[in-house]
Amino acid sequence: MKKLIAAIAVGACAAIVPFTSGAQEKKLEPITYLLPAPQNLPAFAPWMIAKQQGYFEAEGLDVNFVTGKGGVDVAKQVGAGNAPIGGAIGDTPIIVRANGVPVKSVALVGGGGLTLIASHADDPVNEPAQLKGKTITVMAYTDTTYYSLLGTMRMAGLTREDAEIQAAGPAGVWQLFASGKSQVMAAVGDWVVMAEEAGAKVHLMNPAKGFNSMAQAIIASDEMIEKNPELIQRVVRATLKGMTLIQNDIDGAVAAYVKAVPAHQGKEDQVKRIFELFNKYLYAGQTVPGIMDPARLESVQKFYVEEGIVSKASPLDSLYTNQFVEAK
């Protein structure tokens, strides 16, 4: 925690960087954006592309990305005022608001769900009921992919006792699946492609038949929303441009992403496959880029309460706001 706060302090105190727009010199405002996991993961491509392409710069921002310890940790840090803004999952405010953390989702980065139910092509799972008796890998028992899996099983009247669910970590999820040691994995698009690269023939269940969990979200505190809505607006606008570039120009997005994250150089085909999955299952389905569907949020919260994941429901308007996507 001390290291995280120290890193945030460094970002907050960073020197103001000048840049020229036309003949007029402007100054960039340094801000810290907390990510729930390392920034080199393809799941954070909209943010990395936004920085690489100058979308944040065009908004007058010099964004410093700092890694937290998962979405709940990010929400707690943002709620405590240790960072102005951060990233989590659209479900996260449901979990933390019930424990008194005053944060909201200010943009939902995609209309689909982050979790995919992946099985082997020679033993495909097409319905939630087929999860019964299966060995299933998840990242962790406190991760959103796990909760989404439970929600999908519940749609068939199944509980976690009806399958062998193993928490295997972010690499073990797909490695155990690819080696045939698990029959199913609750996965994000990155892991699906990793398993394919390792030789697995992957089948994906239609997400419409599963639990209606959500995509990644940008979150901010109640205080920041009230005191500095302009800053939030600028971050949201730039990030959503990163997402829409992936949707509208996938080859251009791959090139920009590889420049932003050199660790992926030479893996352009792999990145493109991940982006294709994101476009099909994650980013599509929003009438307005970034908008939250309150009916869907209410349904997800109902599940979390009924499963005892959170102790009580929060008012919907305390969990999200669409003001920054509708106004952009």
C-alpha atoms as a PDB file:
ATOM      1  CA  MET A   1       0.000   0.000   0.000  1.00  0.00           C
ATOM      2  CA  LYS A   2       2.830   2.409   0.846  1.00  0.00           C
ATOM      3  CA  LYS A   3       4.428   1.690  -2.521  1.00  0.00           C
ATOM      4  CA  LEU A   4       1.143   2.340  -4.303  1.00  0.00           C
ATOM      5  CA  ILE A   5       0.523   5.625  -2.543  1.00  0.00           C
ATOM      6  CA  ALA A   6       4.135   6.650  -3.183  1.00  0.00           C
ATOM      7  CA  ALA A   7       3.731   5.905  -6.872  1.00  0.00           C
ATOM      8  CA  ILE A   8       0.540   7.932  -6.951  1.00  0.00           C
ATOM      9  CA  ALA A   9       2.302  10.804  -5.248  1.00  0.00           C
ATOM     10  CA  VAL A  10       5.013  10.725  -7.903  1.00  0.00           C
ATOM     11  CA  GLY A  11       2.368  10.862 -10.623  1.00  0.00           C
ATOM     12  CA  ALA A  12       0.554  13.688  -8.934  1.00  0.00           C
ATOM     13  CA  CYS A  13       3.754  15.691  -8.584  1.00  0.00           C
ATOM     14  CA  ALA A  14       5.024  15.013 -12.110  1.00  0.00           C
ATOM     15  CA  ALA A  15       6.352  17.978 -14.000  1.00  0.00           C
ATOM     16  CA  ILE A  16       3.923  19.714 -16.306  1.00  0.00           C
ATOM     17  CA  VAL A  17       4.766  18.794 -19.874  1.00  0.00           C
ATOM     18  CA  PRO A  18       4.344  21.393 -22.603  1.00  0.00           C
ATOM     19  CA  PHE A  19       3.085  20.621 -26.072  1.00  0.00           C
ATOM     20  CA  THR A  20       2.226  22.778 -29.038  1.00  0.00           C
ATOM     21  CA  SER A  21      -1.196  22.853 -30.698  1.00  0.00           C
ATOM     22  CA  GLY A  22      -1.030  25.129 -33.695  1.00  0.00           C
ATOM     23  CA  ALA A  23       0.713  28.321 -32.733  1.00  0.00           C
ATOM     24  CA  GLN A  24      -0.510  28.274 -29.149  1.00  0.00           C
ATOM     25  CA  GLU A  25       1.433  26.469 -26.438  1.00  0.00           C
ATOM     26  CA  LYS A  26      -0.626  24.503 -23.935  1.00  0.00           C
ATOM     27  CA  LYS A  27       0.295  22.609 -20.803  1.00  0.00           C
ATOM     28  CA  LEU A  28      -0.679  19.090 -19.916  1.00  0.00           C
ATOM     29  CA  GLU A  29      -2.310  18.353 -16.587  1.00  0.00           C
ATOM     30  CA  PRO A  30      -0.673  15.335 -14.907  1.00  0.00           C
ATOM     31  CA  ILE A  31      -3.110  12.805 -13.448  1.00  0.00           C
ATOM     32  CA  THR A  32      -2.838   9.279 -12.061  1.00  0.00           C
ATOM     33  CA  TYR A  33      -5.098   6.542 -13.424  1.00  0.00           C
ATOM     34  CA  LEU A  34      -5.235   3.353 -11.354  1.00  0.00           C
ATOM     35  CA  LEU A  35      -5.451   0.111 -13.316  1.00  0.00           C
ATOM     36  CA  PRO A  36      -6.597  -3.134 -11.634  1.00  0.00           C
ATOM     37  CA  ALA A  37      -3.800  -5.185 -13.258  1.00  0.00           C
ATOM     38  CA  PRO A  38      -0.574  -4.593 -15.240  1.00  0.00           C
ATOM     39  CA  GLN A  39      -1.009  -2.206 -18.150  1.00  0.00           C
ATOM     40  CA  ASN A  40       0.602  -4.551 -20.698  1.00  0.00           C
ATOM     41  CA  LEU A  41      -2.476  -6.815 -20.674  1.00  0.00           C
ATOM     42  CA  PRO A  42      -4.520  -6.478 -23.900  1.00  0.00           C
ATOM     43  CA  ALA A  43      -7.660  -5.883 -21.823  1.00  0.00           C
ATOM     44  CA  PHE A  44      -6.332  -2.346 -21.246  1.00  0.00           C
ATOM     45  CA  ALA A  45      -5.813  -1.646 -24.942  1.00  0.00           C
ATOM     46  CA  PRO A  46      -8.323   1.264 -25.118  1.00  0.00           C
ATOM     47  CA  TRP A  47      -6.307   3.164 -22.514  1.00  0.00           C
ATOM     48  CA  MET A  48      -2.906   2.376 -24.013  1.00  0.00           C
ATOM     49  CA  ILE A  49      -4.119   3.287 -27.500  1.00  0.00           C
ATOM     50  CA  ALA A  50      -5.628   6.517 -26.170  1.00  0.00           C
ATOM     51  CA  LYS A  51      -2.234   7.486 -24.813  1.00  0.00           C
ATOM     52  CA  GLN A  52      -0.272   6.356 -27.875  1.00  0.00           C
ATOM     53  CA  GLN A  53      -2.600   8.129 -30.308  1.00  0.00           C
ATOM     54  CA  GLY A  54      -2.566  11.389 -28.356  1.00  0.00           C
ATOM     55  CA  TYR A  55      -6.219  11.263 -27.314  1.00  0.00           C
ATOM     56  CA  PHE A  56      -5.360  12.086 -23.698  1.00  0.00           C
ATOM     57  CA  GLU A  57      -2.936  14.760 -24.852  1.00  0.00           C
ATOM     58  CA  ALA A  58      -5.675  16.338 -26.968  1.00  0.00           C
ATOM     59  CA  GLU A  59      -7.717  16.593 -23.777  1.00  0.00           C
ATOM     60  CA  GLY A  60      -4.804  18.359 -22.077  1.00  0.00           C
ATOM     61  CA  LEU A  61      -3.881  15.343 -19.932  1.00  0.00           C
ATOM     62  CA  ASP A  62      -0.604  13.616 -19.105  1.00  0.00           C
ATOM     63  CA  VAL A  63      -1.844  10.268 -17.760  1.00  0.00           C
ATOM     64  CA  ASN A  64       0.363   8.178 -15.472  1.00  0.00           C
ATOM     65  CA  PHE A  65      -0.887   4.587 -15.165  1.00  0.00           C
ATOM     66  CA  VAL A  66      -0.303   2.911 -11.800  1.00  0.00           C
ATOM     67  CA  THR A  67      -1.223  -0.720 -11.087  1.00  0.00           C
ATOM     68  CA  GLY A  68      -3.427  -1.555  -8.120  1.00  0.00           C
ATOM     69  CA  LYS A  69      -4.329  -4.963  -6.707  1.00  0.00           C
ATOM     70  CA  GLY A  70      -7.538  -5.699  -8.566  1.00  0.00           C
ATOM     71  CA  GLY A  71     -10.714  -3.746  -9.180  1.00  0.00           C
ATOM     72  CA  VAL A  72     -11.888  -3.716  -5.570  1.00  0.00           C
ATOM     73  CA  ASP A  73      -8.534  -2.315  -4.418  1.00  0.00           C
ATOM     74  CA  VAL A  74      -8.700   0.361  -7.135  1.00  0.00           C
ATOM     75  CA  ALA A  75     -12.206   1.304  -6.022  1.00  0.00           C
ATOM     76  CA  LYS A  76     -11.070   1.639  -2.418  1.00  0.00           C
ATOM     77  CA  GLN A  77      -8.104   3.819  -3.413  1.00  0.00           C
ATOM     78  CA  VAL A  78     -10.269   6.034  -5.608  1.00  0.00           C
ATOM     79  CA  GLY A  79     -12.963   6.232  -2.942  1.00  0.00           C
ATOM     80  CA  ALA A  80     -10.369   7.280  -0.369  1.00  0.00           C
ATOM     81  CA  GLY A  81      -9.070  10.042  -2.633  1.00  0.00           C
ATOM     82  CA  ASN A  82      -5.651   8.445  -3.245  1.00  0.00           C
ATOM     83  CA  ALA A  83      -6.221   8.688  -7.015  1.00  0.00           C
ATOM     84  CA  PRO A  84      -8.733  10.765  -8.967  1.00  0.00           C
ATOM     85  CA  ILE A  85      -9.942   7.981 -11.239  1.00  0.00           C
ATOM     86  CA  GLY A  86      -9.394   4.311 -12.019  1.00  0.00           C
ATOM     87  CA  GLY A  87     -10.571   1.137 -13.678  1.00  0.00           C
ATOM     88  CA  ALA A  88     -12.534  -1.881 -12.515  1.00  0.00           C
ATOM     89  CA  ILE A  89     -15.494  -3.923 -13.782  1.00  0.00           C
ATOM     90  CA  GLY A  90     -19.020  -2.575 -14.106  1.00  0.00           C
ATOM     91  CA  ASP A  91     -19.962  -4.939 -11.238  1.00  0.00           C
ATOM     92  CA  THR A  92     -17.372  -3.479  -8.837  1.00  0.00           C
ATOM     93  CA  PRO A  93     -19.379  -0.526  -7.471  1.00  0.00           C
ATOM     94  CA  ILE A  94     -22.049  -3.039  -6.390  1.00  0.00           C
ATOM     95  CA  ILE A  95     -19.493  -4.805  -4.211  1.00  0.00           C
ATOM     96  CA  VAL A  96     -17.743  -1.797  -2.690  1.00  0.00           C
ATOM     97  CA  ARG A  97     -20.678   0.587  -2.310  1.00  0.00           C
ATOM     98  CA  ALA A  98     -22.349  -1.947  -0.017  1.00  0.00           C
ATOM     99  CA  ASN A  99     -19.263  -1.591   2.200  1.00  0.00           C
ATOM    100  CA  GLY A 100     -19.389   2.193   2.241  1.00  0.00           C
ATOM    101  CA  VAL A 101     -16.903   2.992  -0.551  1.00  0.00           C
ATOM    102  CA  PRO A 102     -18.328   6.051  -2.390  1.00  0.00           C
ATOM    103  CA  VAL A 103     -17.543   5.316  -6.050  1.00  0.00           C
ATOM    104  CA  LYS A 104     -19.580   5.096  -9.240  1.00  0.00           C
ATOM    105  CA  SER A 105     -19.071   3.789 -12.736  1.00  0.00           C
ATOM    106  CA  VAL A 106     -18.754   6.818 -15.029  1.00  0.00           C
ATOM    107  CA  ALA A 107     -18.366   4.847 -18.289  1.00  0.00           C
ATOM    108  CA  LEU A 108     -18.752   1.193 -19.241  1.00  0.00           C
ATOM    109  CA  VAL A 109     -16.151   0.181 -21.838  1.00  0.00           C
ATOM    110  CA  GLY A 110     -18.344  -2.091 -23.937  1.00  0.00           C
ATOM    111  CA  GLY A 111     -21.860  -3.485 -23.938  1.00  0.00           C
ATOM    112  CA  GLY A 112     -20.881  -7.128 -23.484  1.00  0.00           C
ATOM    113  CA  GLY A 113     -19.478  -9.105 -20.601  1.00  0.00           C
ATOM    114  CA  LEU A 114     -15.799  -9.600 -19.868  1.00  0.00           C
ATOM    115  CA  THR A 115     -16.262 -13.320 -19.057  1.00  0.00           C
ATOM    116  CA  LEU A 116     -16.563 -16.031 -21.719  1.00  0.00           C
ATOM    117  CA  ILE A 117     -17.413 -19.685 -21.046  1.00  0.00           C
ATOM    118  CA  ALA A 118     -14.803 -21.609 -23.023  1.00  0.00           C
ATOM    119  CA  SER A 119     -14.818 -25.370 -23.573  1.00  0.00           C
ATOM    120  CA  HIS A 120     -12.998 -27.800 -25.852  1.00  0.00           C
ATOM    121  CA  ALA A 121     -14.343 -28.103 -29.395  1.00  0.00           C
ATOM    122  CA  ASP A 122     -14.621 -31.892 -29.074  1.00  0.00           C
ATOM    123  CA  ASP A 123     -16.660 -31.548 -25.857  1.00  0.00           C
ATOM    124  CA  PRO A 124     -18.535 -28.281 -26.336  1.00  0.00           C
ATOM    125  CA  VAL A 125     -20.634 -26.544 -23.701  1.00  0.00           C
ATOM    126  CA  ASN A 126     -23.555 -24.757 -25.347  1.00  0.00           C
ATOM    127  CA  GLU A 127     -25.934 -24.484 -22.385  1.00  0.00           C
ATOM    128  CA  PRO A 128     -25.398 -23.626 -18.700  1.00  0.00           C
ATOM    129  CA  ALA A 129     -26.790 -27.032 -17.685  1.00  0.00           C
ATOM    130  CA  GLN A 130     -23.839 -28.715 -19.412  1.00  0.00           C
ATOM    131  CA  LEU A 131     -21.488 -27.250 -16.799  1.00  0.00           C
ATOM    132  CA  LYS A 132     -22.671 -29.872 -14.317  1.00  0.00           C
ATOM    133  CA  GLY A 133     -19.875 -32.244 -13.345  1.00  0.00           C
ATOM    134  CA  LYS A 134     -17.231 -30.356 -15.311  1.00  0.00           C
ATOM    135  CA  THR A 135     -13.776 -29.357 -14.073  1.00  0.00           C
ATOM    136  CA  ILE A 136     -13.689 -25.581 -14.521  1.00  0.00           C
ATOM    137  CA  THR A 137     -10.788 -23.187 -14.039  1.00  0.00           C
ATOM    138  CA  VAL A 138     -11.216 -19.592 -12.866  1.00  0.00           C
ATOM    139  CA  MET A 139      -8.628 -16.973 -11.954  1.00  0.00           C
ATOM    140  CA  ALA A 140      -9.643 -16.662  -8.284  1.00  0.00           C
ATOM    141  CA  TYR A 141     -12.632 -17.186  -6.021  1.00  0.00           C
ATOM    142  CA  THR A 142     -12.877 -13.426  -5.512  1.00  0.00           C
ATOM    143  CA  ASP A 143     -12.628 -12.511  -9.198  1.00  0.00           C
ATOM    144  CA  THR A 144     -15.498 -11.268 -11.347  1.00  0.00           C
ATOM    145  CA  THR A 145     -15.001 -14.151 -13.788  1.00  0.00           C
ATOM    146  CA  TYR A 146     -15.803 -16.540 -10.930  1.00  0.00           C
ATOM    147  CA  TYR A 147     -18.941 -14.647  -9.948  1.00  0.00           C
ATOM    148  CA  SER A 148     -20.022 -14.605 -13.580  1.00  0.00           C
ATOM    149  CA  LEU A 149     -19.523 -18.377 -13.785  1.00  0.00           C
ATOM    150  CA  LEU A 150     -21.693 -18.867 -10.687  1.00  0.00           C
ATOM    151  CA  GLY A 151     -24.360 -16.663 -12.248  1.00  0.00           C
ATOM    152  CA  THR A 152     -24.311 -18.751 -15.421  1.00  0.00           C
ATOM    153  CA  MET A 153     -24.564 -21.999 -13.440  1.00  0.00           C
ATOM    154  CA  ARG A 154     -27.432 -20.614 -11.415  1.00  0.00           C
ATOM    155  CA  MET A 155     -29.413 -20.058 -14.620  1.00  0.00           C
ATOM    156  CA  ALA A 156     -29.564 -23.877 -14.890  1.00  0.00           C
ATOM    157  CA  GLY A 157     -30.307 -24.359 -11.184  1.00  0.00           C
ATOM    158  CA  LEU A 158     -26.713 -25.373 -10.463  1.00  0.00           C
ATOM    159  CA  THR A 159     -24.530 -24.357  -7.523  1.00  0.00           C
ATOM    160  CA  ARG A 160     -20.742 -24.334  -7.198  1.00  0.00           C
ATOM    161  CA  GLU A 161     -20.951 -27.818  -5.672  1.00  0.00           C
ATOM    162  CA  ASP A 162     -22.245 -29.135  -9.006  1.00  0.00           C
ATOM    163  CA  ALA A 163     -18.836 -28.663 -10.668  1.00  0.00           C
ATOM    164  CA  GLU A 164     -15.159 -28.931  -9.754  1.00  0.00           C
ATOM    165  CA  ILE A 165     -14.152 -25.257  -9.801  1.00  0.00           C
ATOM    166  CA  GLN A 166     -10.431 -24.579  -9.445  1.00  0.00           C
ATOM    167  CA  ALA A 167      -8.836 -21.186  -8.778  1.00  0.00           C
ATOM    168  CA  ALA A 168      -5.688 -21.317 -10.908  1.00  0.00           C
ATOM    169  CA  GLY A 169      -4.404 -17.752 -11.234  1.00  0.00           C
ATOM    170  CA  PRO A 170      -4.248 -15.638 -14.419  1.00  0.00           C
ATOM    171  CA  ALA A 171      -1.870 -18.016 -16.212  1.00  0.00           C
ATOM    172  CA  GLY A 172      -3.099 -21.305 -14.767  1.00  0.00           C
ATOM    173  CA  VAL A 173      -6.653 -20.623 -15.984  1.00  0.00           C
ATOM    174  CA  TRP A 174      -5.743 -21.147 -19.614  1.00  0.00           C
ATOM    175  CA  GLN A 175      -2.694 -23.382 -19.118  1.00  0.00           C
ATOM    176  CA  LEU A 176      -4.679 -26.076 -17.296  1.00  0.00           C
ATOM    177  CA  PHE A 177      -7.403 -25.792 -19.911  1.00  0.00           C
ATOM    178  CA  ALA A 178      -4.989 -25.977 -22.842  1.00  0.00           C
ATOM    179  CA  SER A 179      -3.295 -29.048 -21.356  1.00  0.00           C
ATOM    180  CA  GLY A 180      -6.657 -30.788 -20.979  1.00  0.00           C
ATOM    181  CA  LYS A 181      -6.606 -30.735 -17.171  1.00  0.00           C
ATOM    182  CA  SER A 182      -9.810 -28.713 -17.123  1.00  0.00           C
ATOM    183  CA  GLN A 183     -12.808 -29.093 -19.398  1.00  0.00           C
ATOM    184  CA  VAL A 184     -14.020 -25.502 -19.140  1.00  0.00           C
ATOM    185  CA  MET A 185     -12.568 -22.129 -18.225  1.00  0.00           C
ATOM    186  CA  ALA A 186     -14.290 -18.900 -17.246  1.00  0.00           C
ATOM    187  CA  ALA A 187     -12.085 -16.718 -19.400  1.00  0.00           C
ATOM    188  CA  VAL A 188     -11.426 -13.295 -20.824  1.00  0.00           C
ATOM    189  CA  GLY A 189     -10.546 -12.932 -24.493  1.00  0.00           C
ATOM    190  CA  ASP A 190      -6.793 -12.828 -23.792  1.00  0.00           C
ATOM    191  CA  TRP A 191      -6.869 -16.286 -22.203  1.00  0.00           C
ATOM    192  CA  VAL A 192      -8.907 -17.771 -25.049  1.00  0.00           C
ATOM    193  CA  VAL A 193      -6.239 -16.730 -27.542  1.00  0.00           C
ATOM    194  CA  MET A 194      -3.432 -17.937 -25.250  1.00  0.00           C
ATOM    195  CA  ALA A 195      -5.090 -21.364 -25.082  1.00  0.00           C
ATOM    196  CA  GLU A 196      -5.469 -21.413 -28.861  1.00  0.00           C
ATOM    197  CA  GLU A 197      -1.806 -20.494 -29.268  1.00  0.00           C
ATOM    198  CA  ALA A 198      -0.956 -23.448 -27.003  1.00  0.00           C
ATOM    199  CA  GLY A 199      -2.823 -25.772 -29.340  1.00  0.00           C
ATOM    200  CA  ALA A 200      -6.307 -25.967 -27.814  1.00  0.00           C
ATOM    201  CA  LYS A 201      -9.366 -26.026 -30.062  1.00  0.00           C
ATOM    202  CA  VAL A 202     -11.679 -23.663 -28.217  1.00  0.00           C
ATOM    203  CA  HIS A 203     -15.460 -23.486 -28.322  1.00  0.00           C
ATOM    204  CA  LEU A 204     -17.248 -20.454 -26.842  1.00  0.00           C
ATOM    205  CA  MET A 205     -20.755 -20.617 -25.443  1.00  0.00           C
ATOM    206  CA  ASN A 206     -23.084 -17.912 -26.731  1.00  0.00           C
ATOM    207  CA  PRO A 207     -22.798 -15.200 -24.023  1.00  0.00           C
ATOM    208  CA  ALA A 208     -26.514 -14.473 -24.386  1.00  0.00           C
ATOM    209  CA  LYS A 209     -27.159 -17.832 -22.699  1.00  0.00           C
ATOM    210  CA  GLY A 210     -24.967 -16.968 -19.718  1.00  0.00           C
ATOM    211  CA  PHE A 211     -24.941 -14.527 -16.828  1.00  0.00           C
ATOM    212  CA  ASN A 212     -25.226 -10.913 -17.897  1.00  0.00           C
ATOM    213  CA  SER A 213     -22.099  -9.614 -16.184  1.00  0.00           C
ATOM    214  CA  MET A 214     -20.433  -6.450 -17.445  1.00  0.00           C
ATOM    215  CA  ALA A 215     -17.385  -5.027 -19.179  1.00  0.00           C
ATOM    216  CA  GLN A 216     -14.645  -2.903 -17.691  1.00  0.00           C
ATOM    217  CA  ALA A 217     -15.657   0.418 -16.232  1.00  0.00           C
ATOM    218  CA  ILE A 218     -14.065   3.745 -15.463  1.00  0.00           C
ATOM    219  CA  ILE A 219     -14.815   4.632 -11.843  1.00  0.00           C
ATOM    220  CA  ALA A 220     -14.624   7.866  -9.886  1.00  0.00           C
ATOM    221  CA  SER A 221     -15.580   8.963  -6.399  1.00  0.00           C
ATOM    222  CA  ASP A 222     -18.706  10.915  -5.545  1.00  0.00           C
ATOM    223  CA  GLU A 223     -16.478  13.794  -4.459  1.00  0.00           C
ATOM    224  CA  MET A 224     -14.543  13.887  -7.739  1.00  0.00           C
ATOM    225  CA  ILE A 225     -17.763  13.710  -9.774  1.00  0.00           C
ATOM    226  CA  GLU A 226     -19.085  16.707  -7.858  1.00  0.00           C
ATOM    227  CA  LYS A 227     -15.895  18.793  -7.675  1.00  0.00           C
ATOM    228  CA  ASN A 228     -14.137  18.066 -10.966  1.00  0.00           C
ATOM    229  CA  PRO A 229     -16.564  16.656 -13.536  1.00  0.00           C
ATOM    230  CA  GLU A 230     -14.568  18.233 -16.373  1.00  0.00           C
ATOM    231  CA  LEU A 231     -11.545  16.032 -15.606  1.00  0.00           C
ATOM    232  CA  ILE A 232     -13.681  12.893 -15.631  1.00  0.00           C
ATOM    233  CA  GLN A 233     -15.280  13.963 -18.898  1.00  0.00           C
ATOM    234  CA  ARG A 234     -11.890  14.357 -20.561  1.00  0.00           C
ATOM    235  CA  VAL A 235     -10.659  10.926 -19.397  1.00  0.00           C
ATOM    236  CA  VAL A 236     -13.889   9.236 -20.509  1.00  0.00           C
ATOM    237  CA  ARG A 237     -13.864  10.908 -23.901  1.00  0.00           C
ATOM    238  CA  ALA A 238     -10.258   9.935 -24.658  1.00  0.00           C
ATOM    239  CA  THR A 239     -10.648   6.334 -23.446  1.00  0.00           C
ATOM    240  CA  LEU A 240     -13.766   5.726 -25.503  1.00  0.00           C
ATOM    241  CA  LYS A 241     -11.909   6.954 -28.581  1.00  0.00           C
ATOM    242  CA  GLY A 242      -9.416   4.174 -27.914  1.00  0.00           C
ATOM    243  CA  MET A 243     -12.233   1.618 -27.795  1.00  0.00           C
ATOM    244  CA  THR A 244     -13.902   2.904 -30.957  1.00  0.00           C
ATOM    245  CA  LEU A 245     -10.598   2.794 -32.873  1.00  0.00           C
ATOM    246  CA  ILE A 246     -10.439  -0.947 -32.109  1.00  0.00           C
ATOM    247  CA  GLN A 247     -14.028  -1.282 -33.331  1.00  0.00           C
ATOM    248  CA  ASN A 248     -13.654   0.794 -36.500  1.00  0.00           C
ATOM    249  CA  ASP A 249     -10.029   0.215 -37.595  1.00  0.00           C
ATOM    250  CA  ILE A 250      -8.699  -2.985 -36.102  1.00  0.00           C
ATOM    251  CA  ASP A 251      -5.440  -3.002 -38.090  1.00  0.00           C
ATOM    252  CA  GLY A 252      -4.721   0.607 -37.128  1.00  0.00           C
ATOM    253  CA  ALA A 253      -5.557  -0.235 -33.528  1.00  0.00           C
ATOM    254  CA  VAL A 254      -3.180  -3.218 -33.527  1.00  0.00           C
ATOM    255  CA  ALA A 255      -0.358  -1.043 -34.893  1.00  0.00           C
ATOM    256  CA  ALA A 256      -1.014   1.664 -32.297  1.00  0.00           C
ATOM    257  CA  TYR A 257      -1.241  -0.858 -29.470  1.00  0.00           C
ATOM    258  CA  VAL A 258       2.028  -2.580 -30.351  1.00  0.00           C
ATOM    259  CA  LYS A 259       3.749   0.815 -30.369  1.00  0.00           C
ATOM    260  CA  ALA A 260       2.243   1.582 -26.989  1.00  0.00           C
ATOM    261  CA  VAL A 261       3.169  -1.819 -25.511  1.00  0.00           C
ATOM    262  CA  PRO A 262       6.401  -3.000 -27.188  1.00  0.00           C
ATOM    263  CA  ALA A 263       6.223  -6.349 -25.344  1.00  0.00           C
ATOM    264  CA  HIS A 264       3.658  -7.358 -27.987  1.00  0.00           C
ATOM    265  CA  GLN A 265       5.897  -6.599 -30.969  1.00  0.00           C
ATOM    266  CA  GLY A 266       6.007  -9.616 -33.259  1.00  0.00           C
ATOM    267  CA  LYS A 267       2.669 -10.827 -31.864  1.00  0.00           C
ATOM    268  CA  GLU A 268       0.432  -8.690 -34.073  1.00  0.00           C
ATOM    269  CA  ASP A 269      -1.646 -11.656 -35.285  1.00  0.00           C
ATOM    270  CA  GLN A 270      -2.292 -12.689 -31.694  1.00  0.00           C
ATOM    271  CA  VAL A 271      -3.287  -9.145 -30.711  1.00  0.00           C
ATOM    272  CA  LYS A 272      -5.610  -8.909 -33.704  1.00  0.00           C
ATOM    273  CA  ARG A 273      -7.350 -12.154 -32.709  1.00  0.00           C
ATOM    274  CA  ILE A 274      -7.840 -10.788 -29.171  1.00  0.00           C
ATOM    275  CA  PHE A 275      -9.268  -7.546 -30.559  1.00  0.00           C
ATOM    276  CA  GLU A 276     -11.619  -9.527 -32.806  1.00  0.00           C
ATOM    277  CA  LEU A 277     -12.966 -11.331 -29.740  1.00  0.00           C
ATOM    278  CA  PHE A 278     -13.301  -8.028 -27.885  1.00  0.00           C
ATOM    279  CA  ASN A 279     -15.216  -6.491 -30.786  1.00  0.00           C
ATOM    280  CA  LYS A 280     -17.566  -9.461 -31.036  1.00  0.00           C
ATOM    281  CA  TYR A 281     -18.228 -10.178 -27.379  1.00  0.00           C
ATOM    282  CA  LEU A 282     -17.139  -7.184 -25.297  1.00  0.00           C
ATOM    283  CA  TYR A 283     -17.286  -3.818 -27.021  1.00  0.00           C
ATOM    284  CA  ALA A 284     -20.457  -4.259 -29.089  1.00  0.00           C
ATOM    285  CA  GLY A 285     -24.014  -3.702 -27.926  1.00  0.00           C
ATOM    286  CA  GLN A 286     -24.094  -0.105 -26.680  1.00  0.00           C
ATOM    287  CA  THR A 287     -26.510   2.446 -28.112  1.00  0.00           C
ATOM    288  CA  VAL A 288     -24.033   5.117 -27.005  1.00  0.00           C
ATOM    289  CA  PRO A 289     -20.355   4.211 -26.408  1.00  0.00           C
ATOM    290  CA  GLY A 290     -19.744   3.993 -22.672  1.00  0.00           C
ATOM    291  CA  ILE A 291     -23.384   3.932 -21.565  1.00  0.00           C
ATOM    292  CA  MET A 292     -24.604   1.837 -18.622  1.00  0.00           C
ATOM    293  CA  ASP A 293     -27.903  -0.063 -18.860  1.00  0.00           C
ATOM    294  CA  PRO A 294     -29.561   0.416 -15.449  1.00  0.00           C
ATOM    295  CA  ALA A 295     -31.875  -2.584 -15.900  1.00  0.00           C
ATOM    296  CA  ARG A 296     -28.885  -4.822 -16.481  1.00  0.00           C
ATOM    297  CA  LEU A 297     -27.063  -3.317 -13.489  1.00  0.00           C
ATOM    298  CA  GLU A 298     -30.117  -3.960 -11.320  1.00  0.00           C
ATOM    299  CA  SER A 299     -30.241  -7.606 -12.432  1.00  0.00           C
ATOM    300  CA  VAL A 300     -26.548  -8.121 -11.660  1.00  0.00           C
ATOM    301  CA  GLN A 301     -26.916  -6.500  -8.244  1.00  0.00           C
ATOM    302  CA  LYS A 302     -29.888  -8.745  -7.441  1.00  0.00           C
ATOM    303  CA  PHE A 303     -27.715 -11.802  -8.095  1.00  0.00           C
ATOM    304  CA  TYR A 304     -24.881 -10.489  -5.888  1.00  0.00           C
ATOM    305  CA  VAL A 305     -27.294  -9.905  -3.016  1.00  0.00           C
ATOM    306  CA  GLU A 306     -29.078 -13.245  -3.377  1.00  0.00           C
ATOM    307  CA  GLU A 307     -25.743 -15.094  -3.460  1.00  0.00           C
ATOM    308  CA  GLY A 308     -24.562 -13.278  -0.331  1.00  0.00           C
ATOM    309  CA  ILE A 309     -21.626 -11.695  -2.174  1.00  0.00           C
ATOM    310  CA  VAL A 310     -22.851  -8.347  -0.860  1.00  0.00           C
ATOM    311  CA  SER A 311     -24.996  -7.867   2.232  1.00  0.00           C
ATOM    312  CA  LYS A 312     -27.484  -5.397   0.796  1.00  0.00           C
ATOM    313  CA  ALA A 313     -28.559  -3.659  -2.390  1.00  0.00           C
ATOM    314  CA  SER A 314     -27.553  -0.054  -3.027  1.00  0.00           C
ATOM    315  CA  PRO A 315     -29.717   2.502  -4.830  1.00  0.00           C
ATOM    316  CA  LEU A 316     -28.995   2.172  -8.549  1.00  0.00           C
ATOM    317  CA  ASP A 317     -28.196   5.860  -8.975  1.00  0.00           C
ATOM    318  CA  SER A 318     -25.424   5.492  -6.396  1.00  0.00           C
ATOM    319  CA  LEU A 319     -23.682   2.870  -8.563  1.00  0.00           C
ATOM    320  CA  TYR A 320     -23.352   4.683 -11.893  1.00  0.00           C
ATOM    321  CA  THR A 321     -23.887   7.850 -13.860  1.00  0.00           C
ATOM    322  CA  ASN A 322     -24.295   8.255 -17.615  1.00  0.00           C
ATOM    323  CA  GLN A 323     -23.751  12.016 -17.529  1.00  0.00           C
ATOM    324  CA  PHE A 324     -20.262  11.781 -18.993  1.00  0.00           C
ATOM    325  CA  VAL A 325     -21.135   9.553 -21.933  1.00  0.00           C
ATOM    326  CA  GLU A 326     -24.392  11.276 -22.810  1.00  0.00           C
ATOM    327  CA  ALA A 327     -22.749  14.709 -22.687  1.00  0.00           C
ATOM    328  CA  LYS A 328     -19.603  13.875 -24.619  1.00  0.00           C
END
